[in-house]
Amino acid sequence: MVYLTMPKLDRTFSTSGNLFQKKEEVIHYLGMSQEEIGKVFAYLNSVSFNYALGNPPKMEKDAFSMRKN
């Protein structure tokens, strides 16, 4: 059996802060509208979870169903 190892996330790249602190990571999004930020978010999700942009996978809801089959 072959186990694939996931690379560890670099937790030092981003730091915690509050709403009033301007972080370095936010500079790219300053001046963007909410719609533009939403498009960037959708693109980054599609890349990180490996699905086609605009076609996210559907959630399997049968596991949460309370009905007996």
C-alpha atoms as a PDB file:
ATOM      1  CA  MET A   1       0.000   0.000   0.000  1.00  0.00           C
ATOM      2  CA  VAL A   2       1.367   3.404  -0.982  1.00  0.00           C
ATOM      3  CA  TYR A   3       0.641   6.432   1.168  1.00  0.00           C
ATOM      4  CA  LEU A   4       0.931   9.870  -0.356  1.00  0.00           C
ATOM      5  CA  THR A   5       2.101  12.567   1.982  1.00  0.00           C
ATOM      6  CA  MET A   6       0.551  15.987   1.850  1.00  0.00           C
ATOM      7  CA  PRO A   7       2.922  18.929   2.025  1.00  0.00           C
ATOM      8  CA  LYS A   8       2.570  20.910   5.223  1.00  0.00           C
ATOM      9  CA  LEU A   9       1.041  24.347   5.039  1.00  0.00           C
ATOM     10  CA  ASP A  10       3.390  27.215   5.737  1.00  0.00           C
ATOM     11  CA  ARG A  11       1.634  28.812   8.699  1.00  0.00           C
ATOM     12  CA  THR A  12       4.255  31.541   8.943  1.00  0.00           C
ATOM     13  CA  PHE A  13       3.218  33.074   5.600  1.00  0.00           C
ATOM     14  CA  SER A  14       0.077  34.696   6.975  1.00  0.00           C
ATOM     15  CA  THR A  15      -0.370  36.179  10.395  1.00  0.00           C
ATOM     16  CA  SER A  16      -3.437  36.791  12.474  1.00  0.00           C
ATOM     17  CA  GLY A  17      -4.709  40.302  12.966  1.00  0.00           C
ATOM     18  CA  ASN A  18      -7.860  42.271  13.366  1.00  0.00           C
ATOM     19  CA  LEU A  19     -10.153  44.141  11.021  1.00  0.00           C
ATOM     20  CA  PHE A  20      -8.410  47.474  11.503  1.00  0.00           C
ATOM     21  CA  GLN A  21      -4.867  46.322  10.736  1.00  0.00           C
ATOM     22  CA  LYS A  22      -3.789  46.482   7.099  1.00  0.00           C
ATOM     23  CA  LYS A  23      -1.957  43.244   6.459  1.00  0.00           C
ATOM     24  CA  GLU A  24       0.454  42.642   3.605  1.00  0.00           C
ATOM     25  CA  GLU A  25      -1.848  39.940   2.184  1.00  0.00           C
ATOM     26  CA  VAL A  26      -4.692  42.467   1.759  1.00  0.00           C
ATOM     27  CA  ILE A  27      -2.782  44.930  -0.436  1.00  0.00           C
ATOM     28  CA  HIS A  28      -3.751  43.093  -3.638  1.00  0.00           C
ATOM     29  CA  TYR A  29      -7.463  43.394  -2.866  1.00  0.00           C
ATOM     30  CA  LEU A  30      -7.605  47.075  -1.932  1.00  0.00           C
ATOM     31  CA  GLY A  31      -9.808  49.006  -4.344  1.00  0.00           C
ATOM     32  CA  MET A  32     -11.567  45.864  -5.603  1.00  0.00           C
ATOM     33  CA  SER A  33     -15.335  45.558  -5.421  1.00  0.00           C
ATOM     34  CA  GLN A  34     -16.970  42.686  -3.543  1.00  0.00           C
ATOM     35  CA  GLU A  35     -17.842  41.061  -6.872  1.00  0.00           C
ATOM     36  CA  GLU A  36     -14.209  41.158  -8.008  1.00  0.00           C
ATOM     37  CA  ILE A  37     -13.017  39.683  -4.707  1.00  0.00           C
ATOM     38  CA  GLY A  38     -15.687  36.985  -5.057  1.00  0.00           C
ATOM     39  CA  LYS A  39     -14.348  36.074  -8.507  1.00  0.00           C
ATOM     40  CA  VAL A  40     -10.802  35.829  -7.139  1.00  0.00           C
ATOM     41  CA  PHE A  41     -12.077  33.657  -4.268  1.00  0.00           C
ATOM     42  CA  ALA A  42     -13.941  31.375  -6.695  1.00  0.00           C
ATOM     43  CA  TYR A  43     -10.827  31.028  -8.859  1.00  0.00           C
ATOM     44  CA  LEU A  44      -8.577  30.224  -5.894  1.00  0.00           C
ATOM     45  CA  ASN A  45     -11.064  27.617  -4.636  1.00  0.00           C
ATOM     46  CA  SER A  46     -11.237  25.980  -8.073  1.00  0.00           C
ATOM     47  CA  VAL A  47      -7.448  25.757  -8.223  1.00  0.00           C
ATOM     48  CA  SER A  48      -7.017  24.476  -4.683  1.00  0.00           C
ATOM     49  CA  PHE A  49      -9.776  21.859  -4.905  1.00  0.00           C
ATOM     50  CA  ASN A  50      -9.064  20.967  -8.550  1.00  0.00           C
ATOM     51  CA  TYR A  51     -12.399  21.556 -10.268  1.00  0.00           C
ATOM     52  CA  ALA A  52     -13.360  23.537 -13.346  1.00  0.00           C
ATOM     53  CA  LEU A  53     -14.016  27.223 -12.695  1.00  0.00           C
ATOM     54  CA  GLY A  54     -17.767  27.808 -12.516  1.00  0.00           C
ATOM     55  CA  ASN A  55     -18.512  24.110 -12.007  1.00  0.00           C
ATOM     56  CA  PRO A  56     -17.944  23.302  -8.322  1.00  0.00           C
ATOM     57  CA  PRO A  57     -18.647  19.746  -7.145  1.00  0.00           C
ATOM     58  CA  LYS A  58     -22.039  19.088  -5.605  1.00  0.00           C
ATOM     59  CA  MET A  59     -22.246  18.194  -1.935  1.00  0.00           C
ATOM     60  CA  GLU A  60     -23.278  14.606  -1.244  1.00  0.00           C
ATOM     61  CA  LYS A  61     -26.323  15.136   0.976  1.00  0.00           C
ATOM     62  CA  ASP A  62     -27.358  11.507   1.398  1.00  0.00           C
ATOM     63  CA  ALA A  63     -24.939  11.099   4.296  1.00  0.00           C
ATOM     64  CA  PHE A  64     -26.898  13.731   6.232  1.00  0.00           C
ATOM     65  CA  SER A  65     -30.371  12.493   5.396  1.00  0.00           C
ATOM     66  CA  MET A  66     -32.598  11.556   8.332  1.00  0.00           C
ATOM     67  CA  ARG A  67     -34.910   9.447   6.144  1.00  0.00           C
ATOM     68  CA  LYS A  68     -34.688   5.679   6.378  1.00  0.00           C
ATOM     69  CA  ASN A  69     -34.296   3.937   3.023  1.00  0.00           C
END
